[in-house]
Amino acid sequence: MHNVYKEVSVEDALRILNYCRRHTIKAGGLFEVYSTPGEDVHMIIVNSCPEDGPPDRFRPLGAFYLNYLKPGTISIEEDDPHFDGAPQRKYHVKAIRQAIDLLIQYARPGFTLSYNDLPPIPE
């Protein structure tokens, strides 16, 4: 189920999108960006690495969406409240929210979101 997590200005959504595009896995960052052709809708996958593993061993943490519901919205998929999801899934949603909050506050030139800023995924 898609839920709006935060609403930001269209300019802030573009700033976050541009930051994630500059900090993809190929560029040494945490993100993968997938855009819908012909639309201003984007899915951003946030990656992490195991707590005790090498930093080049990426694992998808989860995803969030820019402008999926309307311009300026940041949405995430959350479990149905009547679905008894795995505890690890709830952890992933919490970690994605943390990543979004960091991006809203700090995603500007000169800032680097590192693996240490995100909690490790439990094995």
PDB file of N, CA and C in Angstrom:
ATOM      1  N   MET A   1       0.847  -1.158   0.000  1.00  0.00           N
ATOM      2  CA  MET A   1       0.000   0.000   0.000  1.00  0.00           C
ATOM      3  C   MET A   1       0.905   1.238   0.000  1.00  0.00           C
ATOM      4  N   HIS A   2       0.695   2.126  -0.964  1.00  0.00           N
ATOM      5  CA  HIS A   2       1.479   3.362  -1.057  1.00  0.00           C
ATOM      6  C   HIS A   2       0.935   4.386  -0.079  1.00  0.00           C
ATOM      7  N   ASN A   3       1.823   4.941   0.717  1.00  0.00           N
ATOM      8  CA  ASN A   3       1.449   6.001   1.652  1.00  0.00           C
ATOM      9  C   ASN A   3       2.402   7.170   1.507  1.00  0.00           C
ATOM     10  N   VAL A   4       1.843   8.364   1.609  1.00  0.00           N
ATOM     11  CA  VAL A   4       2.689   9.554   1.601  1.00  0.00           C
ATOM     12  C   VAL A   4       3.456   9.576   2.914  1.00  0.00           C
ATOM     13  N   TYR A   5       4.779   9.650   2.814  1.00  0.00           N
ATOM     14  CA  TYR A   5       5.591   9.779   4.019  1.00  0.00           C
ATOM     15  C   TYR A   5       5.859  11.250   4.313  1.00  0.00           C
ATOM     16  N   LYS A   6       6.240  11.994   3.279  1.00  0.00           N
ATOM     17  CA  LYS A   6       6.510  13.434   3.438  1.00  0.00           C
ATOM     18  C   LYS A   6       6.043  14.155   2.181  1.00  0.00           C
ATOM     19  N   GLU A   7       5.651  15.385   2.370  1.00  0.00           N
ATOM     20  CA  GLU A   7       5.390  16.270   1.240  1.00  0.00           C
ATOM     21  C   GLU A   7       6.425  17.373   1.298  1.00  0.00           C
ATOM     22  N   VAL A   8       7.085  17.591   0.174  1.00  0.00           N
ATOM     23  CA  VAL A   8       8.115  18.620   0.073  1.00  0.00           C
ATOM     24  C   VAL A   8       7.796  19.478  -1.141  1.00  0.00           C
ATOM     25  N   SER A   9       8.500  20.570  -1.269  1.00  0.00           N
ATOM     26  CA  SER A   9       8.306  21.400  -2.457  1.00  0.00           C
ATOM     27  C   SER A   9       8.817  20.637  -3.678  1.00  0.00           C
ATOM     28  N   VAL A  10       8.328  21.019  -4.839  1.00  0.00           N
ATOM     29  CA  VAL A  10       8.794  20.396  -6.077  1.00  0.00           C
ATOM     30  C   VAL A  10      10.300  20.606  -6.223  1.00  0.00           C
ATOM     31  N   GLU A  11      10.788  21.761  -5.788  1.00  0.00           N
ATOM     32  CA  GLU A  11      12.227  22.047  -5.856  1.00  0.00           C
ATOM     33  C   GLU A  11      13.019  21.101  -4.955  1.00  0.00           C
ATOM     34  N   ASP A  12      12.509  20.835  -3.757  1.00  0.00           N
ATOM     35  CA  ASP A  12      13.193  19.902  -2.857  1.00  0.00           C
ATOM     36  C   ASP A  12      13.162  18.480  -3.408  1.00  0.00           C
ATOM     37  N   ALA A  13      12.054  18.090  -4.021  1.00  0.00           N
ATOM     38  CA  ALA A  13      11.982  16.759  -4.636  1.00  0.00           C
ATOM     39  C   ALA A  13      13.032  16.636  -5.738  1.00  0.00           C
ATOM     40  N   LEU A  14      13.193  17.683  -6.536  1.00  0.00           N
ATOM     41  CA  LEU A  14      14.205  17.678  -7.594  1.00  0.00           C
ATOM     42  C   LEU A  14      15.611  17.647  -7.007  1.00  0.00           C
ATOM     43  N   ARG A  15      15.829  18.369  -5.928  1.00  0.00           N
ATOM     44  CA  ARG A  15      17.132  18.375  -5.255  1.00  0.00           C
ATOM     45  C   ARG A  15      17.483  16.976  -4.759  1.00  0.00           C
ATOM     46  N   ILE A  16      16.519  16.292  -4.144  1.00  0.00           N
ATOM     47  CA  ILE A  16      16.742  14.931  -3.654  1.00  0.00           C
ATOM     48  C   ILE A  16      17.000  13.985  -4.823  1.00  0.00           C
ATOM     49  N   LEU A  17      16.216  14.104  -5.879  1.00  0.00           N
ATOM     50  CA  LEU A  17      16.403  13.263  -7.062  1.00  0.00           C
ATOM     51  C   LEU A  17      17.793  13.461  -7.653  1.00  0.00           C
ATOM     52  N   ASN A  18      18.199  14.702  -7.822  1.00  0.00           N
ATOM     53  CA  ASN A  18      19.527  14.980  -8.378  1.00  0.00           C
ATOM     54  C   ASN A  18      20.632  14.445  -7.479  1.00  0.00           C
ATOM     55  N   TYR A  19      20.457  14.562  -6.171  1.00  0.00           N
ATOM     56  CA  TYR A  19      21.446  14.028  -5.232  1.00  0.00           C
ATOM     57  C   TYR A  19      21.570  12.508  -5.414  1.00  0.00           C
ATOM     58  N   CYS A  20      20.441  11.824  -5.455  1.00  0.00           N
ATOM     59  CA  CYS A  20      20.465  10.366  -5.601  1.00  0.00           C
ATOM     60  C   CYS A  20      21.069   9.955  -6.940  1.00  0.00           C
ATOM     61  N   ARG A  21      20.803  10.711  -7.988  1.00  0.00           N
ATOM     62  CA  ARG A  21      21.406  10.410  -9.300  1.00  0.00           C
ATOM     63  C   ARG A  21      22.919  10.600  -9.283  1.00  0.00           C
ATOM     64  N   ARG A  22      23.412  11.553  -8.502  1.00  0.00           N
ATOM     65  CA  ARG A  22      24.865  11.775  -8.407  1.00  0.00           C
ATOM     66  C   ARG A  22      25.538  10.774  -7.480  1.00  0.00           C
ATOM     67  N   HIS A  23      24.766  10.114  -6.629  1.00  0.00           N
ATOM     68  CA  HIS A  23      25.330   9.189  -5.639  1.00  0.00           C
ATOM     69  C   HIS A  23      24.781   7.774  -5.828  1.00  0.00           C
ATOM     70  N   THR A  24      24.877   7.290  -7.066  1.00  0.00           N
ATOM     71  CA  THR A  24      24.456   5.922  -7.353  1.00  0.00           C
ATOM     72  C   THR A  24      25.540   4.945  -6.912  1.00  0.00           C
ATOM     73  N   ILE A  25      25.216   3.684  -6.926  1.00  0.00           N
ATOM     74  CA  ILE A  25      26.191   2.653  -6.567  1.00  0.00           C
ATOM     75  C   ILE A  25      27.416   2.753  -7.470  1.00  0.00           C
ATOM     76  N   LYS A  26      27.194   2.969  -8.767  1.00  0.00           N
ATOM     77  CA  LYS A  26      28.321   3.067  -9.711  1.00  0.00           C
ATOM     78  C   LYS A  26      29.251   4.221  -9.368  1.00  0.00           C
ATOM     79  N   ALA A  27      28.715   5.255  -8.734  1.00  0.00           N
ATOM     80  CA  ALA A  27      29.529   6.420  -8.353  1.00  0.00           C
ATOM     81  C   ALA A  27      29.998   6.323  -6.902  1.00  0.00           C
ATOM     82  N   GLY A  28      29.805   5.159  -6.274  1.00  0.00           N
ATOM     83  CA  GLY A  28      30.243   4.974  -4.895  1.00  0.00           C
ATOM     84  C   GLY A  28      29.212   5.345  -3.846  1.00  0.00           C
ATOM     85  N   GLY A  29      27.980   5.596  -4.271  1.00  0.00           N
ATOM     86  CA  GLY A  29      26.922   5.974  -3.334  1.00  0.00           C
ATOM     87  C   GLY A  29      26.025   4.813  -2.967  1.00  0.00           C
ATOM     88  N   LEU A  30      24.857   5.143  -2.449  1.00  0.00           N
ATOM     89  CA  LEU A  30      23.926   4.141  -1.935  1.00  0.00           C
ATOM     90  C   LEU A  30      22.712   3.886  -2.822  1.00  0.00           C
ATOM     91  N   PHE A  31      22.536   4.653  -3.883  1.00  0.00           N
ATOM     92  CA  PHE A  31      21.244   4.687  -4.550  1.00  0.00           C
ATOM     93  C   PHE A  31      21.239   4.076  -5.944  1.00  0.00           C
ATOM     94  N   GLU A  32      20.043   3.625  -6.330  1.00  0.00           N
ATOM     95  CA  GLU A  32      19.720   3.260  -7.702  1.00  0.00           C
ATOM     96  C   GLU A  32      18.463   4.060  -8.029  1.00  0.00           C
ATOM     97  N   VAL A  33      18.445   4.726  -9.173  1.00  0.00           N
ATOM     98  CA  VAL A  33      17.306   5.568  -9.540  1.00  0.00           C
ATOM     99  C   VAL A  33      16.681   5.024 -10.818  1.00  0.00           C
ATOM    100  N   TYR A  34      15.379   4.809 -10.777  1.00  0.00           N
ATOM    101  CA  TYR A  34      14.617   4.347 -11.935  1.00  0.00           C
ATOM    102  C   TYR A  34      13.499   5.349 -12.181  1.00  0.00           C
ATOM    103  N   SER A  35      13.482   5.911 -13.382  1.00  0.00           N
ATOM    104  CA  SER A  35      12.491   6.931 -13.720  1.00  0.00           C
ATOM    105  C   SER A  35      11.507   6.382 -14.737  1.00  0.00           C
ATOM    106  N   THR A  36      10.254   6.792 -14.626  1.00  0.00           N
ATOM    107  CA  THR A  36       9.230   6.400 -15.582  1.00  0.00           C
ATOM    108  C   THR A  36       9.394   7.258 -16.828  1.00  0.00           C
ATOM    109  N   PRO A  37       9.629   6.644 -17.995  1.00  0.00           N
ATOM    110  CA  PRO A  37       9.819   7.433 -19.218  1.00  0.00           C
ATOM    111  C   PRO A  37       8.623   8.340 -19.503  1.00  0.00           C
ATOM    112  N   GLY A  38       8.920   9.590 -19.803  1.00  0.00           N
ATOM    113  CA  GLY A  38       7.888  10.554 -20.153  1.00  0.00           C
ATOM    114  C   GLY A  38       7.113  11.125 -18.980  1.00  0.00           C
ATOM    115  N   GLU A  39       7.458  10.705 -17.767  1.00  0.00           N
ATOM    116  CA  GLU A  39       6.759  11.204 -16.583  1.00  0.00           C
ATOM    117  C   GLU A  39       7.779  11.613 -15.531  1.00  0.00           C
ATOM    118  N   ASP A  40       7.365  12.476 -14.640  1.00  0.00           N
ATOM    119  CA  ASP A  40       8.235  12.914 -13.547  1.00  0.00           C
ATOM    120  C   ASP A  40       7.960  12.064 -12.306  1.00  0.00           C
ATOM    121  N   VAL A  41       8.082  10.741 -12.477  1.00  0.00           N
ATOM    122  CA  VAL A  41       7.852   9.778 -11.403  1.00  0.00           C
ATOM    123  C   VAL A  41       9.107   8.924 -11.284  1.00  0.00           C
ATOM    124  N   HIS A  42       9.610   8.759 -10.066  1.00  0.00           N
ATOM    125  CA  HIS A  42      10.898   8.097  -9.870  1.00  0.00           C
ATOM    126  C   HIS A  42      10.848   7.144  -8.682  1.00  0.00           C
ATOM    127  N   MET A  43      11.462   5.974  -8.863  1.00  0.00           N
ATOM    128  CA  MET A  43      11.643   5.030  -7.763  1.00  0.00           C
ATOM    129  C   MET A  43      13.120   5.050  -7.403  1.00  0.00           C
ATOM    130  N   ILE A  44      13.410   5.201  -6.125  1.00  0.00           N
ATOM    131  CA  ILE A  44      14.795   5.251  -5.661  1.00  0.00           C
ATOM    132  C   ILE A  44      15.007   4.104  -4.685  1.00  0.00           C
ATOM    133  N   ILE A  45      15.943   3.232  -5.027  1.00  0.00           N
ATOM    134  CA  ILE A  45      16.295   2.118  -4.155  1.00  0.00           C
ATOM    135  C   ILE A  45      17.460   2.557  -3.288  1.00  0.00           C
ATOM    136  N   VAL A  46      17.324   2.333  -1.992  1.00  0.00           N
ATOM    137  CA  VAL A  46      18.379   2.647  -1.030  1.00  0.00           C
ATOM    138  C   VAL A  46      19.063   1.333  -0.680  1.00  0.00           C
ATOM    139  N   ASN A  47      20.377   1.313  -0.769  1.00  0.00           N
ATOM    140  CA  ASN A  47      21.150   0.113  -0.467  1.00  0.00           C
ATOM    141  C   ASN A  47      21.911   0.281   0.835  1.00  0.00           C
ATOM    142  N   SER A  48      22.226  -0.832   1.440  1.00  0.00           N
ATOM    143  CA  SER A  48      23.015  -0.863   2.660  1.00  0.00           C
ATOM    144  C   SER A  48      24.017  -1.989   2.504  1.00  0.00           C
ATOM    145  N   CYS A  49      24.771  -2.237   3.537  1.00  0.00           N
ATOM    146  CA  CYS A  49      25.695  -3.364   3.522  1.00  0.00           C
ATOM    147  C   CYS A  49      25.615  -4.039   4.882  1.00  0.00           C
ATOM    148  N   PRO A  50      25.997  -5.313   4.960  1.00  0.00           N
ATOM    149  CA  PRO A  50      25.942  -6.001   6.245  1.00  0.00           C
ATOM    150  C   PRO A  50      26.842  -5.330   7.269  1.00  0.00           C
ATOM    151  N   GLU A  51      26.443  -5.410   8.525  1.00  0.00           N
ATOM    152  CA  GLU A  51      27.174  -4.755   9.607  1.00  0.00           C
ATOM    153  C   GLU A  51      28.630  -5.199   9.672  1.00  0.00           C
ATOM    154  N   ASP A  52      28.872  -6.491   9.486  1.00  0.00           N
ATOM    155  CA  ASP A  52      30.237  -6.996   9.618  1.00  0.00           C
ATOM    156  C   ASP A  52      30.854  -7.370   8.273  1.00  0.00           C
ATOM    157  N   GLY A  53      30.252  -6.920   7.182  1.00  0.00           N
ATOM    158  CA  GLY A  53      30.750  -7.274   5.859  1.00  0.00           C
ATOM    159  C   GLY A  53      31.490  -6.141   5.197  1.00  0.00           C
ATOM    160  N   PRO A  54      32.073  -6.434   4.039  1.00  0.00           N
ATOM    161  CA  PRO A  54      32.785  -5.388   3.307  1.00  0.00           C
ATOM    162  C   PRO A  54      31.809  -4.344   2.767  1.00  0.00           C
ATOM    163  N   PRO A  55      32.239  -3.089   2.703  1.00  0.00           N
ATOM    164  CA  PRO A  55      31.329  -2.027   2.272  1.00  0.00           C
ATOM    165  C   PRO A  55      30.935  -2.124   0.804  1.00  0.00           C
ATOM    166  N   ASP A  56      31.606  -2.977   0.025  1.00  0.00           N
ATOM    167  CA  ASP A  56      31.233  -3.097  -1.380  1.00  0.00           C
ATOM    168  C   ASP A  56      30.197  -4.204  -1.609  1.00  0.00           C
ATOM    169  N   ARG A  57      29.710  -4.799  -0.560  1.00  0.00           N
ATOM    170  CA  ARG A  57      28.688  -5.842  -0.669  1.00  0.00           C
ATOM    171  C   ARG A  57      27.322  -5.220  -0.372  1.00  0.00           C
ATOM    172  N   PHE A  58      26.693  -4.711  -1.409  1.00  0.00           N
ATOM    173  CA  PHE A  58      25.431  -3.992  -1.253  1.00  0.00           C
ATOM    174  C   PHE A  58      24.263  -4.944  -1.075  1.00  0.00           C
ATOM    175  N   ARG A  59      23.286  -4.471  -0.311  1.00  0.00           N
ATOM    176  CA  ARG A  59      22.030  -5.179  -0.150  1.00  0.00           C
ATOM    177  C   ARG A  59      20.922  -4.143  -0.216  1.00  0.00           C
ATOM    178  N   PRO A  60      19.886  -4.396  -1.012  1.00  0.00           N
ATOM    179  CA  PRO A  60      18.777  -3.445  -1.053  1.00  0.00           C
ATOM    180  C   PRO A  60      18.114  -3.327   0.313  1.00  0.00           C
ATOM    181  N   LEU A  61      17.969  -2.112   0.741  1.00  0.00           N
ATOM    182  CA  LEU A  61      17.317  -1.835   2.017  1.00  0.00           C
ATOM    183  C   LEU A  61      15.825  -1.624   1.794  1.00  0.00           C
ATOM    184  N   GLY A  62      15.496  -0.989   0.691  1.00  0.00           N
ATOM    185  CA  GLY A  62      14.112  -0.706   0.352  1.00  0.00           C
ATOM    186  C   GLY A  62      14.059   0.427  -0.650  1.00  0.00           C
ATOM    187  N   ALA A  63      12.855   0.888  -0.940  1.00  0.00           N
ATOM    188  CA  ALA A  63      12.686   1.923  -1.957  1.00  0.00           C
ATOM    189  C   ALA A  63      11.697   2.979  -1.488  1.00  0.00           C
ATOM    190  N   PHE A  64      11.836   4.134  -2.105  1.00  0.00           N
ATOM    191  CA  PHE A  64      10.825   5.179  -1.941  1.00  0.00           C
ATOM    192  C   PHE A  64      10.566   5.784  -3.304  1.00  0.00           C
ATOM    193  N   TYR A  65       9.498   6.535  -3.393  1.00  0.00           N
ATOM    194  CA  TYR A  65       9.038   7.059  -4.672  1.00  0.00           C
ATOM    195  C   TYR A  65       8.892   8.566  -4.587  1.00  0.00           C
ATOM    196  N   LEU A  66       9.346   9.239  -5.634  1.00  0.00           N
ATOM    197  CA  LEU A  66       9.187  10.691  -5.743  1.00  0.00           C
ATOM    198  C   LEU A  66       8.107  10.983  -6.772  1.00  0.00           C
ATOM    199  N   ASN A  67       7.163  11.816  -6.395  1.00  0.00           N
ATOM    200  CA  ASN A  67       6.107  12.305  -7.285  1.00  0.00           C
ATOM    201  C   ASN A  67       5.160  11.205  -7.756  1.00  0.00           C
ATOM    202  N   TYR A  68       5.120  10.062  -7.082  1.00  0.00           N
ATOM    203  CA  TYR A  68       4.258   8.958  -7.512  1.00  0.00           C
ATOM    204  C   TYR A  68       2.781   9.312  -7.337  1.00  0.00           C
ATOM    205  N   LEU A  69       2.447   9.888  -6.218  1.00  0.00           N
ATOM    206  CA  LEU A  69       1.049  10.217  -5.947  1.00  0.00           C
ATOM    207  C   LEU A  69       0.670  11.608  -6.436  1.00  0.00           C
ATOM    208  N   LYS A  70       1.605  12.544  -6.309  1.00  0.00           N
ATOM    209  CA  LYS A  70       1.435  13.893  -6.847  1.00  0.00           C
ATOM    210  C   LYS A  70       2.786  14.589  -6.742  1.00  0.00           C
ATOM    211  N   PRO A  71       2.997  15.685  -7.480  1.00  0.00           N
ATOM    212  CA  PRO A  71       4.289  16.371  -7.418  1.00  0.00           C
ATOM    213  C   PRO A  71       4.642  16.789  -5.988  1.00  0.00           C
ATOM    214  N   GLY A  72       5.884  16.503  -5.608  1.00  0.00           N
ATOM    215  CA  GLY A  72       6.367  16.889  -4.291  1.00  0.00           C
ATOM    216  C   GLY A  72       6.119  15.868  -3.193  1.00  0.00           C
ATOM    217  N   THR A  73       5.535  14.731  -3.542  1.00  0.00           N
ATOM    218  CA  THR A  73       5.314  13.719  -2.506  1.00  0.00           C
ATOM    219  C   THR A  73       6.444  12.696  -2.508  1.00  0.00           C
ATOM    220  N   ILE A  74       6.782  12.265  -1.321  1.00  0.00           N
ATOM    221  CA  ILE A  74       7.712  11.158  -1.136  1.00  0.00           C
ATOM    222  C   ILE A  74       6.885  10.061  -0.490  1.00  0.00           C
ATOM    223  N   SER A  75       6.727   8.967  -1.212  1.00  0.00           N
ATOM    224  CA  SER A  75       5.884   7.893  -0.699  1.00  0.00           C
ATOM    225  C   SER A  75       6.683   6.612  -0.546  1.00  0.00           C
ATOM    226  N   ILE A  76       6.184   5.767   0.332  1.00  0.00           N
ATOM    227  CA  ILE A  76       6.794   4.461   0.553  1.00  0.00           C
ATOM    228  C   ILE A  76       5.673   3.430   0.575  1.00  0.00           C
ATOM    229  N   GLU A  77       6.051   2.193   0.325  1.00  0.00           N
ATOM    230  CA  GLU A  77       5.085   1.110   0.427  1.00  0.00           C
ATOM    231  C   GLU A  77       5.148   0.574   1.846  1.00  0.00           C
ATOM    232  N   GLU A  78       4.009   0.588   2.491  1.00  0.00           N
ATOM    233  CA  GLU A  78       3.940   0.063   3.850  1.00  0.00           C
ATOM    234  C   GLU A  78       3.012  -1.138   3.853  1.00  0.00           C
ATOM    235  N   ASP A  79       3.257  -2.032   4.784  1.00  0.00           N
ATOM    236  CA  ASP A  79       2.414  -3.211   4.897  1.00  0.00           C
ATOM    237  C   ASP A  79       1.009  -2.823   5.324  1.00  0.00           C
ATOM    238  N   ASP A  80       0.068  -3.611   4.889  1.00  0.00           N
ATOM    239  CA  ASP A  80      -1.306  -3.471   5.336  1.00  0.00           C
ATOM    240  C   ASP A  80      -1.319  -3.637   6.857  1.00  0.00           C
ATOM    241  N   PRO A  81      -1.978  -2.746   7.596  1.00  0.00           N
ATOM    242  CA  PRO A  81      -1.968  -2.861   9.057  1.00  0.00           C
ATOM    243  C   PRO A  81      -2.589  -4.164   9.565  1.00  0.00           C
ATOM    244  N   HIS A  82      -3.389  -4.820   8.722  1.00  0.00           N
ATOM    245  CA  HIS A  82      -4.007  -6.088   9.116  1.00  0.00           C
ATOM    246  C   HIS A  82      -3.138  -7.282   8.730  1.00  0.00           C
ATOM    247  N   PHE A  83      -1.991  -7.010   8.097  1.00  0.00           N
ATOM    248  CA  PHE A  83      -1.056  -8.062   7.699  1.00  0.00           C
ATOM    249  C   PHE A  83       0.039  -8.143   8.748  1.00  0.00           C
ATOM    250  N   ASP A  84       0.265  -9.314   9.263  1.00  0.00           N
ATOM    251  CA  ASP A  84       1.292  -9.511  10.287  1.00  0.00           C
ATOM    252  C   ASP A  84       2.622  -9.762   9.580  1.00  0.00           C
ATOM    253  N   GLY A  85       3.249  -8.689   9.116  1.00  0.00           N
ATOM    254  CA  GLY A  85       4.504  -8.799   8.375  1.00  0.00           C
ATOM    255  C   GLY A  85       5.662  -9.203   9.262  1.00  0.00           C
ATOM    256  N   ALA A  86       6.712  -9.635   8.619  1.00  0.00           N
ATOM    257  CA  ALA A  86       7.915 -10.029   9.346  1.00  0.00           C
ATOM    258  C   ALA A  86       8.514  -8.817  10.050  1.00  0.00           C
ATOM    259  N   PRO A  87       9.079  -9.012  11.236  1.00  0.00           N
ATOM    260  CA  PRO A  87       9.701  -7.891  11.950  1.00  0.00           C
ATOM    261  C   PRO A  87      10.778  -7.199  11.118  1.00  0.00           C
ATOM    262  N   GLN A  88      11.485  -7.968  10.290  1.00  0.00           N
ATOM    263  CA  GLN A  88      12.547  -7.383   9.475  1.00  0.00           C
ATOM    264  C   GLN A  88      11.968  -6.393   8.462  1.00  0.00           C
ATOM    265  N   ARG A  89      10.772  -6.659   7.944  1.00  0.00           N
ATOM    266  CA  ARG A  89      10.119  -5.750   7.003  1.00  0.00           C
ATOM    267  C   ARG A  89       9.833  -4.417   7.690  1.00  0.00           C
ATOM    268  N   LYS A  90       9.380  -4.461   8.929  1.00  0.00           N
ATOM    269  CA  LYS A  90       9.123  -3.220   9.670  1.00  0.00           C
ATOM    270  C   LYS A  90      10.419  -2.440   9.874  1.00  0.00           C
ATOM    271  N   TYR A  91      11.504  -3.164  10.077  1.00  0.00           N
ATOM    272  CA  TYR A  91      12.819  -2.534  10.211  1.00  0.00           C
ATOM    273  C   TYR A  91      13.188  -1.801   8.925  1.00  0.00           C
ATOM    274  N   HIS A  92      12.952  -2.437   7.784  1.00  0.00           N
ATOM    275  CA  HIS A  92      13.301  -1.832   6.503  1.00  0.00           C
ATOM    276  C   HIS A  92      12.524  -0.540   6.280  1.00  0.00           C
ATOM    277  N   VAL A  93      11.243  -0.533   6.595  1.00  0.00           N
ATOM    278  CA  VAL A  93      10.429   0.677   6.437  1.00  0.00           C
ATOM    279  C   VAL A  93      10.980   1.788   7.326  1.00  0.00           C
ATOM    280  N   LYS A  94      11.342   1.451   8.548  1.00  0.00           N
ATOM    281  CA  LYS A  94      11.915   2.443   9.468  1.00  0.00           C
ATOM    282  C   LYS A  94      13.230   2.998   8.919  1.00  0.00           C
ATOM    283  N   ALA A  95      14.063   2.129   8.358  1.00  0.00           N
ATOM    284  CA  ALA A  95      15.346   2.569   7.806  1.00  0.00           C
ATOM    285  C   ALA A  95      15.151   3.459   6.580  1.00  0.00           C
ATOM    286  N   ILE A  96      14.174   3.146   5.738  1.00  0.00           N
ATOM    287  CA  ILE A  96      13.890   3.989   4.567  1.00  0.00           C
ATOM    288  C   ILE A  96      13.415   5.361   5.026  1.00  0.00           C
ATOM    289  N   ARG A  97      12.587   5.402   6.036  1.00  0.00           N
ATOM    290  CA  ARG A  97      12.148   6.697   6.584  1.00  0.00           C
ATOM    291  C   ARG A  97      13.348   7.500   7.076  1.00  0.00           C
ATOM    292  N   GLN A  98      14.280   6.827   7.734  1.00  0.00           N
ATOM    293  CA  GLN A  98      15.485   7.506   8.223  1.00  0.00           C
ATOM    294  C   GLN A  98      16.294   8.064   7.051  1.00  0.00           C
ATOM    295  N   ALA A  99      16.445   7.290   5.987  1.00  0.00           N
ATOM    296  CA  ALA A  99      17.189   7.752   4.813  1.00  0.00           C
ATOM    297  C   ALA A  99      16.495   8.957   4.180  1.00  0.00           C
ATOM    298  N   ILE A 100      15.171   8.912   4.073  1.00  0.00           N
ATOM    299  CA  ILE A 100      14.421  10.038   3.505  1.00  0.00           C
ATOM    300  C   ILE A 100      14.624  11.292   4.349  1.00  0.00           C
ATOM    301  N   ASP A 101      14.529  11.150   5.657  1.00  0.00           N
ATOM    302  CA  ASP A 101      14.717  12.305   6.543  1.00  0.00           C
ATOM    303  C   ASP A 101      16.102  12.922   6.367  1.00  0.00           C
ATOM    304  N   LEU A 102      17.124  12.077   6.240  1.00  0.00           N
ATOM    305  CA  LEU A 102      18.485  12.584   6.016  1.00  0.00           C
ATOM    306  C   LEU A 102      18.589  13.297   4.672  1.00  0.00           C
ATOM    307  N   LEU A 103      17.961  12.733   3.648  1.00  0.00           N
ATOM    308  CA  LEU A 103      18.003  13.360   2.323  1.00  0.00           C
ATOM    309  C   LEU A 103      17.292  14.711   2.327  1.00  0.00           C
ATOM    310  N   ILE A 104      16.141  14.781   2.960  1.00  0.00           N
ATOM    311  CA  ILE A 104      15.414  16.051   3.012  1.00  0.00           C
ATOM    312  C   ILE A 104      16.271  17.120   3.685  1.00  0.00           C
ATOM    313  N   GLN A 105      16.919  16.745   4.753  1.00  0.00           N
ATOM    314  CA  GLN A 105      17.687  17.719   5.524  1.00  0.00           C
ATOM    315  C   GLN A 105      19.035  18.056   4.892  1.00  0.00           C
ATOM    316  N   TYR A 106      19.734  17.059   4.352  1.00  0.00           N
ATOM    317  CA  TYR A 106      21.136  17.269   3.986  1.00  0.00           C
ATOM    318  C   TYR A 106      21.498  17.094   2.514  1.00  0.00           C
ATOM    319  N   ALA A 107      20.627  16.597   1.669  1.00  0.00           N
ATOM    320  CA  ALA A 107      21.004  16.280   0.285  1.00  0.00           C
ATOM    321  C   ALA A 107      21.323  17.541  -0.513  1.00  0.00           C
ATOM    322  N   ARG A 108      22.566  17.946  -0.388  1.00  0.00           N
ATOM    323  CA  ARG A 108      23.077  19.124  -1.094  1.00  0.00           C
ATOM    324  C   ARG A 108      24.506  18.833  -1.513  1.00  0.00           C
ATOM    325  N   PRO A 109      25.028  19.592  -2.463  1.00  0.00           N
ATOM    326  CA  PRO A 109      26.433  19.384  -2.839  1.00  0.00           C
ATOM    327  C   PRO A 109      27.335  19.465  -1.610  1.00  0.00           C
ATOM    328  N   GLY A 110      28.273  18.544  -1.525  1.00  0.00           N
ATOM    329  CA  GLY A 110      29.206  18.511  -0.407  1.00  0.00           C
ATOM    330  C   GLY A 110      28.813  17.541   0.690  1.00  0.00           C
ATOM    331  N   PHE A 111      27.566  17.054   0.678  1.00  0.00           N
ATOM    332  CA  PHE A 111      27.119  16.087   1.683  1.00  0.00           C
ATOM    333  C   PHE A 111      27.197  14.694   1.087  1.00  0.00           C
ATOM    334  N   THR A 112      27.664  13.742   1.867  1.00  0.00           N
ATOM    335  CA  THR A 112      27.692  12.349   1.437  1.00  0.00           C
ATOM    336  C   THR A 112      26.999  11.499   2.487  1.00  0.00           C
ATOM    337  N   LEU A 113      25.956  10.827   2.071  1.00  0.00           N
ATOM    338  CA  LEU A 113      25.257   9.890   2.940  1.00  0.00           C
ATOM    339  C   LEU A 113      26.021   8.577   2.881  1.00  0.00           C
ATOM    340  N   SER A 114      26.525   8.132   4.020  1.00  0.00           N
ATOM    341  CA  SER A 114      27.348   6.920   4.025  1.00  0.00           C
ATOM    342  C   SER A 114      26.593   5.753   4.634  1.00  0.00           C
ATOM    343  N   TYR A 115      27.186   4.583   4.483  1.00  0.00           N
ATOM    344  CA  TYR A 115      26.596   3.371   5.039  1.00  0.00           C
ATOM    345  C   TYR A 115      26.428   3.495   6.543  1.00  0.00           C
ATOM    346  N   ASN A 116      27.341   4.189   7.192  1.00  0.00           N
ATOM    347  CA  ASN A 116      27.292   4.328   8.646  1.00  0.00           C
ATOM    348  C   ASN A 116      26.120   5.185   9.113  1.00  0.00           C
ATOM    349  N   ASP A 117      25.541   5.961   8.196  1.00  0.00           N
ATOM    350  CA  ASP A 117      24.381   6.775   8.543  1.00  0.00           C
ATOM    351  C   ASP A 117      23.097   5.948   8.584  1.00  0.00           C
ATOM    352  N   LEU A 118      23.149   4.752   7.988  1.00  0.00           N
ATOM    353  CA  LEU A 118      21.988   3.876   7.950  1.00  0.00           C
ATOM    354  C   LEU A 118      22.236   2.672   8.841  1.00  0.00           C
ATOM    355  N   PRO A 119      21.205   2.180   9.494  1.00  0.00           N
ATOM    356  CA  PRO A 119      21.408   1.000  10.328  1.00  0.00           C
ATOM    357  C   PRO A 119      21.678  -0.221   9.461  1.00  0.00           C
ATOM    358  N   PRO A 120      22.519  -1.153   9.930  1.00  0.00           N
ATOM    359  CA  PRO A 120      22.804  -2.359   9.151  1.00  0.00           C
ATOM    360  C   PRO A 120      21.582  -3.272   9.104  1.00  0.00           C
ATOM    361  N   ILE A 121      21.505  -4.072   8.061  1.00  0.00           N
ATOM    362  CA  ILE A 121      20.415  -5.027   7.930  1.00  0.00           C
ATOM    363  C   ILE A 121      20.758  -6.260   8.751  1.00  0.00           C
ATOM    364  N   PRO A 122      19.876  -6.670   9.647  1.00  0.00           N
ATOM    365  CA  PRO A 122      20.159  -7.888  10.409  1.00  0.00           C
ATOM    366  C   PRO A 122      20.191  -9.093   9.474  1.00  0.00           C
ATOM    367  N   GLU A 123      21.095 -10.002   9.717  1.00  0.00           N
ATOM    368  CA  GLU A 123      21.202 -11.223   8.894  1.00  0.00           C
ATOM    369  C   GLU A 123      20.078 -12.167   9.237  1.00  0.00           C
TER     370      GLU A 123
END
